[in-house]
Amino acid sequence: MNTYNLLSALQRFLRQRNVDPEGLTLESMVLVMFDWFRFAPAGLSTIDPPPDVLVYRYGGWSEGCATGFKLSLLRRVTQPDAEGQPTDWYAGVTMLFEPSGFSGLAPLSTVSSDWPSSEAFLHAIESSPAYRASRSTKPMGVMLESGGLR
């Protein structure tokens, strides 16, 4: 497992479902990410699947003179590296919104394993202030995101 494998798995899943990332709405992004998490195991082997969770996060973003509000639903797969240290691999969808409507929102990050069920996690996402504020707003951009962190 590495960041490229996980991102490729997401891209394959989207192609199989005939989903164009640029055409995703916030609701459809959340649903497709939940489906990918539920129906496409992340492990290379079904015998010993790695720890696998969804991460929902949002917050303001700026780089130089560019600013925006990022809302992401990512899949995080954790595996040990050669020395046995955990490595987290991420892949998912990030939406970038015009920041003015979100200035009062504090950044948030929550993980599916912190909730008693996937339904409770979905409810937490849908009832979050950022989701409610951006549900009917067209994002400025949608991107598939990947990365690996220790």
N, C-alpha and C. Protein backbone atom coordinates (compact mmCIF):
# COMPACT_ATOMS: atom_id res chain seq x y z
N MET A 1 0.84 -1.18 0.00
CA MET A 1 0.00 0.00 0.00
C MET A 1 0.88 1.24 0.00
N ASN A 2 0.52 2.19 -0.80
CA ASN A 2 1.15 3.51 -0.78
C ASN A 2 0.12 4.53 -1.28
N THR A 3 0.52 5.78 -1.28
CA THR A 3 -0.41 6.84 -1.65
C THR A 3 -0.92 6.68 -3.09
N TYR A 4 -0.07 6.20 -3.98
CA TYR A 4 -0.47 6.04 -5.38
C TYR A 4 -1.48 4.91 -5.53
N ASN A 5 -1.28 3.80 -4.80
CA ASN A 5 -2.23 2.69 -4.86
C ASN A 5 -3.60 3.12 -4.36
N LEU A 6 -3.61 3.85 -3.26
CA LEU A 6 -4.88 4.28 -2.68
C LEU A 6 -5.59 5.27 -3.59
N LEU A 7 -4.85 6.23 -4.14
CA LEU A 7 -5.46 7.18 -5.06
C LEU A 7 -5.95 6.48 -6.32
N SER A 8 -5.18 5.52 -6.84
CA SER A 8 -5.60 4.75 -8.01
C SER A 8 -6.87 3.97 -7.73
N ALA A 9 -6.97 3.41 -6.52
CA ALA A 9 -8.18 2.67 -6.15
C ALA A 9 -9.40 3.60 -6.15
N LEU A 10 -9.23 4.82 -5.65
CA LEU A 10 -10.33 5.79 -5.67
C LEU A 10 -10.70 6.15 -7.11
N GLN A 11 -9.71 6.40 -7.95
CA GLN A 11 -9.98 6.74 -9.35
C GLN A 11 -10.70 5.60 -10.06
N ARG A 12 -10.28 4.36 -9.83
CA ARG A 12 -10.96 3.21 -10.44
C ARG A 12 -12.41 3.12 -9.97
N PHE A 13 -12.63 3.32 -8.68
CA PHE A 13 -13.97 3.27 -8.13
C PHE A 13 -14.86 4.33 -8.77
N LEU A 14 -14.34 5.54 -8.91
CA LEU A 14 -15.12 6.61 -9.54
C LEU A 14 -15.43 6.28 -11.00
N ARG A 15 -14.46 5.73 -11.73
CA ARG A 15 -14.70 5.35 -13.14
C ARG A 15 -15.76 4.26 -13.23
N GLN A 16 -15.70 3.26 -12.35
CA GLN A 16 -16.68 2.18 -12.35
C GLN A 16 -18.09 2.72 -12.10
N ARG A 17 -18.18 3.76 -11.32
CA ARG A 17 -19.48 4.37 -11.00
C ARG A 17 -19.85 5.49 -11.96
N ASN A 18 -19.00 5.73 -12.96
CA ASN A 18 -19.22 6.83 -13.92
C ASN A 18 -19.38 8.17 -13.21
N VAL A 19 -18.49 8.43 -12.24
CA VAL A 19 -18.52 9.67 -11.48
C VAL A 19 -17.37 10.55 -11.95
N ASP A 20 -17.72 11.76 -12.40
CA ASP A 20 -16.73 12.76 -12.76
C ASP A 20 -16.51 13.63 -11.52
N PRO A 21 -15.30 13.64 -10.95
CA PRO A 21 -15.06 14.42 -9.74
C PRO A 21 -15.47 15.89 -9.87
N GLU A 22 -15.28 16.48 -11.04
CA GLU A 22 -15.64 17.89 -11.24
C GLU A 22 -17.15 18.12 -11.12
N GLY A 23 -17.95 17.08 -11.34
CA GLY A 23 -19.40 17.22 -11.28
C GLY A 23 -19.99 16.89 -9.91
N LEU A 24 -19.14 16.57 -8.95
CA LEU A 24 -19.64 16.21 -7.63
C LEU A 24 -20.21 17.41 -6.89
N THR A 25 -21.32 17.18 -6.23
CA THR A 25 -21.84 18.13 -5.25
C THR A 25 -21.35 17.66 -3.90
N LEU A 26 -21.55 18.44 -2.88
CA LEU A 26 -21.13 18.03 -1.54
C LEU A 26 -21.83 16.75 -1.12
N GLU A 27 -23.14 16.67 -1.34
CA GLU A 27 -23.89 15.47 -0.97
C GLU A 27 -23.39 14.24 -1.73
N SER A 28 -23.21 14.37 -3.04
CA SER A 28 -22.77 13.21 -3.82
C SER A 28 -21.34 12.82 -3.47
N MET A 29 -20.50 13.79 -3.11
CA MET A 29 -19.12 13.48 -2.70
C MET A 29 -19.13 12.62 -1.44
N VAL A 30 -19.93 13.02 -0.46
CA VAL A 30 -19.99 12.26 0.79
C VAL A 30 -20.50 10.86 0.52
N LEU A 31 -21.54 10.72 -0.28
CA LEU A 31 -22.11 9.40 -0.56
C LEU A 31 -21.12 8.50 -1.30
N VAL A 32 -20.42 9.04 -2.29
CA VAL A 32 -19.48 8.21 -3.05
C VAL A 32 -18.29 7.81 -2.18
N MET A 33 -17.85 8.68 -1.30
CA MET A 33 -16.75 8.33 -0.40
C MET A 33 -17.17 7.25 0.60
N PHE A 34 -18.40 7.33 1.11
CA PHE A 34 -18.90 6.28 2.00
C PHE A 34 -19.01 4.95 1.25
N ASP A 35 -19.49 4.99 0.01
CA ASP A 35 -19.57 3.76 -0.78
C ASP A 35 -18.20 3.17 -1.03
N TRP A 36 -17.23 4.00 -1.38
CA TRP A 36 -15.88 3.49 -1.61
C TRP A 36 -15.33 2.85 -0.35
N PHE A 37 -15.55 3.48 0.78
CA PHE A 37 -15.08 2.96 2.06
C PHE A 37 -15.75 1.62 2.39
N ARG A 38 -17.05 1.53 2.15
CA ARG A 38 -17.79 0.31 2.51
C ARG A 38 -17.58 -0.84 1.53
N PHE A 39 -17.50 -0.54 0.24
CA PHE A 39 -17.54 -1.59 -0.77
C PHE A 39 -16.21 -1.92 -1.41
N ALA A 40 -15.16 -1.20 -1.11
CA ALA A 40 -13.85 -1.45 -1.71
C ALA A 40 -12.80 -1.55 -0.61
N PRO A 41 -12.47 -2.77 -0.18
CA PRO A 41 -11.47 -2.93 0.88
C PRO A 41 -10.14 -2.28 0.50
N ALA A 42 -9.49 -1.68 1.48
CA ALA A 42 -8.23 -0.98 1.21
C ALA A 42 -7.03 -1.90 1.23
N GLY A 43 -7.11 -3.02 1.90
CA GLY A 43 -5.96 -3.89 2.02
C GLY A 43 -5.62 -4.59 0.72
N LEU A 44 -4.34 -4.90 0.57
CA LEU A 44 -3.91 -5.67 -0.60
C LEU A 44 -4.29 -7.13 -0.41
N SER A 45 -4.56 -7.51 0.81
CA SER A 45 -4.95 -8.87 1.14
C SER A 45 -6.20 -8.80 1.99
N THR A 46 -7.17 -9.65 1.71
CA THR A 46 -8.38 -9.67 2.53
C THR A 46 -8.16 -10.41 3.83
N ILE A 47 -7.03 -11.10 3.97
CA ILE A 47 -6.74 -11.85 5.19
C ILE A 47 -6.35 -10.89 6.31
N ASP A 48 -5.56 -9.88 6.01
CA ASP A 48 -5.06 -8.97 7.04
C ASP A 48 -5.25 -7.52 6.60
N PRO A 49 -6.51 -7.04 6.58
CA PRO A 49 -6.71 -5.66 6.13
C PRO A 49 -6.12 -4.67 7.14
N PRO A 50 -5.56 -3.57 6.65
CA PRO A 50 -4.98 -2.56 7.54
C PRO A 50 -6.08 -1.73 8.20
N PRO A 51 -5.75 -1.03 9.28
CA PRO A 51 -6.71 -0.09 9.85
C PRO A 51 -7.12 0.94 8.80
N ASP A 52 -8.41 1.17 8.70
CA ASP A 52 -8.99 1.93 7.61
C ASP A 52 -10.12 2.79 8.18
N VAL A 53 -10.03 4.12 8.02
CA VAL A 53 -11.05 5.02 8.55
C VAL A 53 -11.32 6.14 7.53
N LEU A 54 -12.43 6.82 7.72
CA LEU A 54 -12.72 8.04 6.98
C LEU A 54 -12.40 9.23 7.87
N VAL A 55 -11.86 10.27 7.26
CA VAL A 55 -11.53 11.50 7.98
C VAL A 55 -12.28 12.65 7.31
N TYR A 56 -13.09 13.33 8.10
CA TYR A 56 -13.83 14.50 7.63
C TYR A 56 -13.18 15.72 8.26
N ARG A 57 -12.79 16.66 7.41
CA ARG A 57 -12.17 17.86 7.96
C ARG A 57 -12.48 19.06 7.08
N TYR A 58 -12.46 20.20 7.76
CA TYR A 58 -12.66 21.45 7.03
C TYR A 58 -11.97 22.59 7.76
N GLY A 59 -11.78 23.66 7.02
CA GLY A 59 -11.17 24.85 7.61
C GLY A 59 -10.72 25.80 6.53
N GLY A 60 -10.37 27.00 6.97
CA GLY A 60 -9.87 28.01 6.06
C GLY A 60 -8.50 27.63 5.52
N TRP A 61 -8.19 28.12 4.37
CA TRP A 61 -6.92 27.81 3.71
C TRP A 61 -6.42 29.07 3.03
N SER A 62 -5.12 29.29 3.12
CA SER A 62 -4.54 30.39 2.35
C SER A 62 -3.11 30.02 1.97
N GLU A 63 -2.74 30.49 0.81
CA GLU A 63 -1.38 30.29 0.30
C GLU A 63 -1.05 31.52 -0.52
N GLY A 64 -0.16 32.32 0.03
CA GLY A 64 0.12 33.59 -0.65
C GLY A 64 -1.11 34.47 -0.62
N CYS A 65 -1.55 34.93 -1.77
CA CYS A 65 -2.73 35.77 -1.82
C CYS A 65 -4.00 34.97 -2.12
N ALA A 66 -3.88 33.65 -2.31
CA ALA A 66 -5.04 32.81 -2.58
C ALA A 66 -5.63 32.31 -1.26
N THR A 67 -6.94 32.41 -1.14
CA THR A 67 -7.62 31.92 0.06
C THR A 67 -8.83 31.10 -0.36
N GLY A 68 -9.28 30.26 0.53
CA GLY A 68 -10.45 29.46 0.28
C GLY A 68 -10.86 28.73 1.54
N PHE A 69 -11.92 27.99 1.45
CA PHE A 69 -12.38 27.15 2.54
C PHE A 69 -12.39 25.73 2.01
N LYS A 70 -11.60 24.87 2.64
CA LYS A 70 -11.47 23.49 2.20
C LYS A 70 -12.35 22.58 3.04
N LEU A 71 -13.05 21.69 2.37
CA LEU A 71 -13.85 20.67 3.02
C LEU A 71 -13.47 19.35 2.37
N SER A 72 -13.01 18.39 3.19
CA SER A 72 -12.49 17.13 2.66
C SER A 72 -13.12 15.93 3.35
N LEU A 73 -13.29 14.87 2.59
CA LEU A 73 -13.60 13.56 3.14
C LEU A 73 -12.55 12.62 2.55
N LEU A 74 -11.69 12.13 3.44
CA LEU A 74 -10.54 11.33 3.02
C LEU A 74 -10.59 9.96 3.66
N ARG A 75 -10.02 9.01 2.98
CA ARG A 75 -9.84 7.67 3.53
C ARG A 75 -8.40 7.59 4.02
N ARG A 76 -8.23 7.12 5.27
CA ARG A 76 -6.89 6.98 5.84
C ARG A 76 -6.65 5.50 6.13
N VAL A 77 -5.60 4.98 5.52
CA VAL A 77 -5.19 3.60 5.74
C VAL A 77 -3.84 3.65 6.45
N THR A 78 -3.73 2.92 7.56
CA THR A 78 -2.51 2.93 8.36
C THR A 78 -1.83 1.56 8.24
N GLN A 79 -0.55 1.60 7.90
CA GLN A 79 0.26 0.39 7.80
C GLN A 79 1.63 0.64 8.40
N PRO A 80 2.27 -0.40 8.92
CA PRO A 80 3.63 -0.22 9.43
C PRO A 80 4.63 -0.11 8.29
N ASP A 81 5.66 0.73 8.48
CA ASP A 81 6.73 0.82 7.49
C ASP A 81 7.76 -0.27 7.78
N ALA A 82 8.90 -0.22 7.12
CA ALA A 82 9.92 -1.26 7.26
C ALA A 82 10.44 -1.38 8.69
N GLU A 83 10.42 -0.27 9.44
CA GLU A 83 10.88 -0.29 10.83
C GLU A 83 9.75 -0.57 11.81
N GLY A 84 8.55 -0.82 11.31
CA GLY A 84 7.41 -1.11 12.16
C GLY A 84 6.66 0.11 12.65
N GLN A 85 7.07 1.31 12.21
CA GLN A 85 6.39 2.55 12.60
C GLN A 85 5.15 2.75 11.73
N PRO A 86 4.06 3.22 12.32
CA PRO A 86 2.83 3.40 11.53
C PRO A 86 2.98 4.51 10.49
N THR A 87 2.48 4.25 9.30
CA THR A 87 2.43 5.23 8.23
C THR A 87 0.98 5.37 7.80
N ASP A 88 0.50 6.60 7.72
CA ASP A 88 -0.87 6.88 7.30
C ASP A 88 -0.87 7.29 5.84
N TRP A 89 -1.70 6.62 5.04
CA TRP A 89 -1.89 6.96 3.63
C TRP A 89 -3.28 7.54 3.48
N TYR A 90 -3.40 8.62 2.73
CA TYR A 90 -4.68 9.30 2.54
C TYR A 90 -5.04 9.37 1.06
N ALA A 91 -6.33 9.26 0.78
CA ALA A 91 -6.87 9.57 -0.55
C ALA A 91 -8.34 9.94 -0.36
N GLY A 92 -8.79 10.91 -1.12
CA GLY A 92 -10.18 11.31 -1.00
C GLY A 92 -10.49 12.51 -1.86
N VAL A 93 -11.56 13.18 -1.52
CA VAL A 93 -12.05 14.31 -2.30
C VAL A 93 -12.03 15.55 -1.42
N THR A 94 -11.50 16.63 -1.98
CA THR A 94 -11.49 17.92 -1.31
C THR A 94 -12.22 18.93 -2.19
N MET A 95 -13.09 19.69 -1.56
CA MET A 95 -13.81 20.76 -2.24
C MET A 95 -13.32 22.08 -1.69
N LEU A 96 -13.13 23.02 -2.58
CA LEU A 96 -12.68 24.36 -2.22
C LEU A 96 -13.82 25.33 -2.48
N PHE A 97 -14.17 26.09 -1.44
CA PHE A 97 -15.26 27.05 -1.53
C PHE A 97 -14.74 28.47 -1.35
N GLU A 98 -15.50 29.44 -1.84
CA GLU A 98 -15.20 30.84 -1.64
C GLU A 98 -15.29 31.08 -0.13
N PRO A 99 -14.28 31.69 0.49
CA PRO A 99 -14.19 31.70 1.94
C PRO A 99 -15.11 32.64 2.70
N SER A 100 -15.72 33.61 2.06
CA SER A 100 -16.43 34.66 2.81
C SER A 100 -17.58 34.11 3.65
N GLY A 101 -18.27 33.09 3.22
CA GLY A 101 -19.40 32.56 3.99
C GLY A 101 -19.00 31.66 5.13
N PHE A 102 -17.69 31.42 5.30
CA PHE A 102 -17.23 30.46 6.29
C PHE A 102 -16.30 31.07 7.33
N SER A 103 -16.19 32.38 7.33
CA SER A 103 -15.20 33.04 8.18
C SER A 103 -15.38 32.76 9.67
N GLY A 104 -16.58 32.50 10.11
CA GLY A 104 -16.81 32.25 11.53
C GLY A 104 -16.65 30.81 11.97
N LEU A 105 -16.32 29.92 11.04
CA LEU A 105 -16.23 28.50 11.39
C LEU A 105 -14.82 28.11 11.80
N ALA A 106 -14.72 27.50 12.96
CA ALA A 106 -13.43 26.98 13.41
C ALA A 106 -13.11 25.69 12.66
N PRO A 107 -11.86 25.43 12.37
CA PRO A 107 -11.49 24.18 11.70
C PRO A 107 -11.94 22.97 12.52
N LEU A 108 -12.23 21.89 11.82
CA LEU A 108 -12.68 20.66 12.47
C LEU A 108 -12.07 19.47 11.75
N SER A 109 -11.73 18.45 12.51
CA SER A 109 -11.31 17.17 11.95
C SER A 109 -11.88 16.08 12.83
N THR A 110 -12.59 15.14 12.23
CA THR A 110 -13.15 14.02 12.98
C THR A 110 -12.98 12.75 12.16
N VAL A 111 -12.87 11.62 12.85
CA VAL A 111 -12.56 10.34 12.23
C VAL A 111 -13.71 9.37 12.47
N SER A 112 -14.02 8.55 11.47
CA SER A 112 -15.15 7.63 11.57
C SER A 112 -15.03 6.69 12.77
N SER A 113 -13.83 6.33 13.16
CA SER A 113 -13.66 5.40 14.29
C SER A 113 -14.03 6.05 15.62
N ASP A 114 -14.19 7.37 15.66
CA ASP A 114 -14.60 8.06 16.88
C ASP A 114 -16.11 8.00 17.11
N TRP A 115 -16.83 7.45 16.14
CA TRP A 115 -18.29 7.41 16.21
C TRP A 115 -18.76 5.96 16.35
N PRO A 116 -19.91 5.72 17.01
CA PRO A 116 -20.35 4.33 17.26
C PRO A 116 -20.76 3.57 16.00
N SER A 117 -21.05 4.27 14.91
CA SER A 117 -21.45 3.59 13.67
C SER A 117 -21.19 4.52 12.50
N SER A 118 -21.21 3.95 11.30
CA SER A 118 -21.04 4.80 10.11
C SER A 118 -22.24 5.73 9.94
N GLU A 119 -23.42 5.30 10.37
CA GLU A 119 -24.60 6.17 10.29
C GLU A 119 -24.44 7.38 11.21
N ALA A 120 -23.89 7.16 12.41
CA ALA A 120 -23.65 8.28 13.33
C ALA A 120 -22.61 9.23 12.76
N PHE A 121 -21.58 8.68 12.13
CA PHE A 121 -20.54 9.51 11.51
C PHE A 121 -21.14 10.33 10.36
N LEU A 122 -21.96 9.70 9.53
CA LEU A 122 -22.63 10.40 8.44
C LEU A 122 -23.51 11.52 8.99
N HIS A 123 -24.24 11.24 10.05
CA HIS A 123 -25.09 12.27 10.67
C HIS A 123 -24.24 13.43 11.19
N ALA A 124 -23.08 13.11 11.78
CA ALA A 124 -22.19 14.17 12.28
C ALA A 124 -21.70 15.05 11.14
N ILE A 125 -21.38 14.44 10.00
CA ILE A 125 -20.96 15.22 8.83
C ILE A 125 -22.09 16.12 8.36
N GLU A 126 -23.26 15.52 8.16
CA GLU A 126 -24.39 16.27 7.61
C GLU A 126 -24.91 17.35 8.56
N SER A 127 -24.66 17.23 9.84
CA SER A 127 -25.12 18.25 10.78
C SER A 127 -24.03 19.25 11.14
N SER A 128 -22.84 19.09 10.56
CA SER A 128 -21.75 20.03 10.85
C SER A 128 -22.07 21.40 10.24
N PRO A 129 -21.60 22.46 10.87
CA PRO A 129 -21.86 23.81 10.35
C PRO A 129 -21.34 24.01 8.93
N ALA A 130 -20.17 23.45 8.61
CA ALA A 130 -19.60 23.63 7.27
C ALA A 130 -20.43 22.92 6.22
N TYR A 131 -20.90 21.72 6.53
CA TYR A 131 -21.73 20.98 5.58
C TYR A 131 -23.03 21.75 5.33
N ARG A 132 -23.68 22.18 6.40
CA ARG A 132 -24.94 22.91 6.25
C ARG A 132 -24.73 24.20 5.47
N ALA A 133 -23.60 24.89 5.70
CA ALA A 133 -23.35 26.16 5.02
C ALA A 133 -22.99 25.98 3.55
N SER A 134 -22.42 24.84 3.20
CA SER A 134 -21.94 24.65 1.82
C SER A 134 -22.78 23.68 1.01
N ARG A 135 -23.79 23.11 1.61
CA ARG A 135 -24.60 22.09 0.94
C ARG A 135 -25.18 22.57 -0.39
N SER A 136 -25.64 23.79 -0.43
CA SER A 136 -26.26 24.29 -1.67
C SER A 136 -25.34 25.24 -2.44
N THR A 137 -24.07 25.27 -2.08
CA THR A 137 -23.11 26.16 -2.72
C THR A 137 -22.24 25.36 -3.69
N LYS A 138 -22.07 25.89 -4.88
CA LYS A 138 -21.19 25.24 -5.85
C LYS A 138 -19.75 25.51 -5.46
N PRO A 139 -18.93 24.45 -5.35
CA PRO A 139 -17.52 24.68 -4.99
C PRO A 139 -16.76 25.38 -6.12
N MET A 140 -15.71 26.11 -5.73
CA MET A 140 -14.84 26.74 -6.72
C MET A 140 -14.01 25.68 -7.42
N GLY A 141 -13.75 24.58 -6.73
CA GLY A 141 -12.96 23.51 -7.31
C GLY A 141 -13.15 22.23 -6.54
N VAL A 142 -12.96 21.12 -7.24
CA VAL A 142 -13.02 19.79 -6.64
C VAL A 142 -11.76 19.06 -7.06
N MET A 143 -11.09 18.44 -6.10
CA MET A 143 -9.87 17.72 -6.45
C MET A 143 -9.79 16.40 -5.71
N LEU A 144 -9.16 15.45 -6.36
CA LEU A 144 -8.82 14.20 -5.69
C LEU A 144 -7.50 14.47 -4.99
N GLU A 145 -7.43 14.08 -3.74
CA GLU A 145 -6.27 14.39 -2.93
C GLU A 145 -5.65 13.11 -2.40
N SER A 146 -4.35 13.11 -2.28
CA SER A 146 -3.68 11.95 -1.70
C SER A 146 -2.47 12.43 -0.92
N GLY A 147 -1.94 11.54 -0.12
CA GLY A 147 -0.75 11.89 0.65
C GLY A 147 -0.45 10.82 1.67
N GLY A 148 0.74 10.90 2.20
CA GLY A 148 1.18 9.97 3.25
C GLY A 148 1.85 10.74 4.36
N LEU A 149 1.47 10.43 5.57
CA LEU A 149 2.03 11.12 6.73
C LEU A 149 2.32 10.12 7.82
N ARG A 150 3.31 10.43 8.65
CA ARG A 150 3.61 9.58 9.81
C ARG A 150 3.02 10.21 11.04
